[in-house]
């Protein structure tokens, strides 16, 4: 579910970029899409680390 939300957020940001900066060159469009992709990959990794930490902590609480 989080992957779908992240993908939709990425798509919305790319669409906003394209409509917000219609005179941007194709290179700038690709560059922004790549930067957003890397950013969302980092966010996914941080989210997965957070899930691993919370699940490992819950084992020790019992």
N, C-alpha and C. Protein backbone atom coordinates (compact mmCIF):
# COMPACT_ATOMS: atom_id res chain seq x y z
N UNK A 1 0.83 -1.19 0.00
CA UNK A 1 0.00 0.00 0.00
C UNK A 1 0.87 1.26 0.00
N UNK A 2 1.94 1.25 0.82
CA UNK A 2 2.83 2.41 0.87
C UNK A 2 3.53 2.63 -0.46
N UNK A 3 3.82 1.53 -1.17
CA UNK A 3 4.47 1.67 -2.48
C UNK A 3 3.56 2.39 -3.46
N UNK A 4 2.27 2.08 -3.42
CA UNK A 4 1.32 2.74 -4.31
C UNK A 4 1.21 4.22 -3.96
N UNK A 5 1.17 4.53 -2.67
CA UNK A 5 1.09 5.94 -2.24
C UNK A 5 2.34 6.69 -2.67
N UNK A 6 3.51 6.07 -2.49
CA UNK A 6 4.76 6.71 -2.91
C UNK A 6 4.78 6.92 -4.42
N UNK A 7 4.31 5.94 -5.19
CA UNK A 7 4.31 6.06 -6.64
C UNK A 7 3.35 7.17 -7.08
N UNK A 8 2.19 7.25 -6.46
CA UNK A 8 1.21 8.30 -6.80
C UNK A 8 1.78 9.67 -6.45
N UNK A 9 2.45 9.78 -5.30
CA UNK A 9 3.07 11.04 -4.90
C UNK A 9 4.15 11.44 -5.90
N UNK A 10 4.97 10.48 -6.33
CA UNK A 10 6.01 10.76 -7.32
C UNK A 10 5.38 11.22 -8.62
N UNK A 11 4.34 10.54 -9.05
CA UNK A 11 3.68 10.91 -10.30
C UNK A 11 3.08 12.31 -10.22
N UNK A 12 2.44 12.63 -9.11
CA UNK A 12 1.86 13.96 -8.94
C UNK A 12 2.95 15.05 -8.97
N UNK A 13 4.09 14.78 -8.34
CA UNK A 13 5.18 15.75 -8.36
C UNK A 13 5.74 15.94 -9.76
N UNK A 14 5.85 14.87 -10.52
CA UNK A 14 6.32 14.98 -11.91
C UNK A 14 5.32 15.77 -12.74
N UNK A 15 4.03 15.51 -12.56
CA UNK A 15 3.00 16.25 -13.30
C UNK A 15 3.03 17.72 -12.91
N UNK A 16 3.15 18.01 -11.61
CA UNK A 16 3.23 19.40 -11.17
C UNK A 16 4.45 20.10 -11.77
N UNK A 17 5.56 19.40 -11.82
CA UNK A 17 6.76 19.96 -12.44
C UNK A 17 6.49 20.31 -13.90
N UNK A 18 5.89 19.37 -14.63
CA UNK A 18 5.67 19.59 -16.06
C UNK A 18 4.70 20.74 -16.32
N UNK A 19 3.68 20.88 -15.49
CA UNK A 19 2.75 21.99 -15.67
C UNK A 19 3.27 23.29 -15.06
N UNK A 20 4.05 23.19 -14.03
CA UNK A 20 4.58 24.38 -13.38
C UNK A 20 5.71 25.03 -14.16
N UNK A 21 6.46 24.21 -14.89
CA UNK A 21 7.58 24.70 -15.69
C UNK A 21 7.46 24.18 -17.13
N UNK A 22 6.48 24.71 -17.86
CA UNK A 22 6.24 24.18 -19.22
C UNK A 22 7.38 24.49 -20.19
N UNK A 23 8.21 25.48 -19.90
CA UNK A 23 9.31 25.82 -20.80
C UNK A 23 10.60 25.09 -20.46
N UNK A 24 10.53 24.15 -19.53
CA UNK A 24 11.73 23.39 -19.16
C UNK A 24 12.16 22.52 -20.34
N UNK A 25 13.46 22.37 -20.47
CA UNK A 25 13.99 21.54 -21.55
C UNK A 25 13.74 20.06 -21.23
N UNK A 26 13.79 19.21 -22.26
CA UNK A 26 13.65 17.77 -22.00
C UNK A 26 14.70 17.25 -21.01
N UNK A 27 15.91 17.80 -21.07
CA UNK A 27 16.95 17.40 -20.13
C UNK A 27 16.53 17.70 -18.70
N UNK A 28 15.97 18.89 -18.47
CA UNK A 28 15.52 19.26 -17.13
C UNK A 28 14.37 18.36 -16.68
N UNK A 29 13.47 18.01 -17.59
CA UNK A 29 12.38 17.10 -17.24
C UNK A 29 12.91 15.75 -16.77
N UNK A 30 13.85 15.22 -17.52
CA UNK A 30 14.43 13.92 -17.16
C UNK A 30 15.21 14.03 -15.85
N UNK A 31 15.96 15.11 -15.69
CA UNK A 31 16.75 15.30 -14.48
C UNK A 31 15.86 15.35 -13.24
N UNK A 32 14.77 16.10 -13.31
CA UNK A 32 13.86 16.19 -12.16
C UNK A 32 13.21 14.84 -11.89
N UNK A 33 12.81 14.13 -12.92
CA UNK A 33 12.21 12.80 -12.73
C UNK A 33 13.20 11.85 -12.05
N UNK A 34 14.46 11.89 -12.46
CA UNK A 34 15.47 11.02 -11.85
C UNK A 34 15.72 11.41 -10.40
N UNK A 35 15.82 12.70 -10.13
CA UNK A 35 16.03 13.17 -8.75
C UNK A 35 14.86 12.75 -7.87
N UNK A 36 13.64 12.90 -8.36
CA UNK A 36 12.47 12.48 -7.58
C UNK A 36 12.48 10.96 -7.36
N UNK A 37 12.89 10.21 -8.37
CA UNK A 37 12.95 8.76 -8.23
C UNK A 37 13.93 8.35 -7.14
N UNK A 38 15.12 8.95 -7.18
CA UNK A 38 16.14 8.64 -6.17
C UNK A 38 15.63 9.03 -4.78
N UNK A 39 15.00 10.19 -4.69
CA UNK A 39 14.45 10.64 -3.41
C UNK A 39 13.43 9.64 -2.86
N UNK A 40 12.55 9.15 -3.73
CA UNK A 40 11.55 8.21 -3.26
C UNK A 40 12.13 6.82 -2.96
N UNK A 41 13.21 6.45 -3.62
CA UNK A 41 13.90 5.21 -3.26
C UNK A 41 14.48 5.33 -1.86
N UNK A 42 15.08 6.48 -1.56
CA UNK A 42 15.63 6.72 -0.21
C UNK A 42 14.51 6.69 0.82
N UNK A 43 13.37 7.31 0.50
CA UNK A 43 12.23 7.30 1.42
C UNK A 43 11.76 5.88 1.68
N UNK A 44 11.69 5.05 0.62
CA UNK A 44 11.27 3.66 0.80
C UNK A 44 12.24 2.90 1.69
N UNK A 45 13.53 3.12 1.50
CA UNK A 45 14.51 2.43 2.34
C UNK A 45 14.39 2.87 3.80
N UNK A 46 14.17 4.15 4.03
CA UNK A 46 13.98 4.63 5.40
C UNK A 46 12.71 4.06 6.02
N UNK A 47 11.66 3.96 5.22
CA UNK A 47 10.41 3.38 5.72
C UNK A 47 10.60 1.91 6.06
N UNK A 48 11.33 1.18 5.23
CA UNK A 48 11.54 -0.24 5.51
C UNK A 48 12.41 -0.43 6.74
N UNK A 49 13.39 0.46 6.95
CA UNK A 49 14.21 0.38 8.17
C UNK A 49 13.36 0.64 9.40
N UNK A 50 12.45 1.60 9.29
CA UNK A 50 11.56 1.91 10.40
C UNK A 50 10.67 0.74 10.74
N UNK A 51 10.20 0.04 9.72
CA UNK A 51 9.36 -1.13 9.96
C UNK A 51 10.17 -2.25 10.61
N UNK A 52 11.42 -2.42 10.18
CA UNK A 52 12.26 -3.46 10.77
C UNK A 52 12.55 -3.16 12.23
N UNK A 53 12.80 -1.90 12.54
CA UNK A 53 13.10 -1.54 13.93
C UNK A 53 11.89 -1.73 14.82
N UNK A 54 10.71 -1.35 14.35
CA UNK A 54 9.52 -1.48 15.19
C UNK A 54 9.14 -2.94 15.36
N UNK A 55 9.33 -3.75 14.33
CA UNK A 55 8.99 -5.16 14.48
C UNK A 55 9.98 -5.87 15.39
N UNK A 56 11.26 -5.49 15.34
CA UNK A 56 12.24 -6.13 16.21
C UNK A 56 12.05 -5.68 17.66
N UNK A 57 11.64 -4.45 17.85
CA UNK A 57 11.39 -3.96 19.20
C UNK A 57 10.19 -4.66 19.83
N UNK A 58 9.18 -4.93 19.02
CA UNK A 58 7.98 -5.55 19.57
C UNK A 58 8.27 -6.98 20.05
N UNK A 59 9.27 -7.63 19.48
CA UNK A 59 9.62 -8.97 19.92
C UNK A 59 10.21 -8.94 21.34
N UNK A 60 10.92 -7.89 21.66
CA UNK A 60 11.57 -7.80 22.96
C UNK A 60 10.61 -7.35 24.06
N UNK A 61 9.49 -6.76 23.68
CA UNK A 61 8.55 -6.28 24.68
C UNK A 61 7.80 -7.43 25.36
N UNK A 62 7.69 -8.55 24.69
CA UNK A 62 6.94 -9.69 25.26
C UNK A 62 7.69 -10.38 26.30
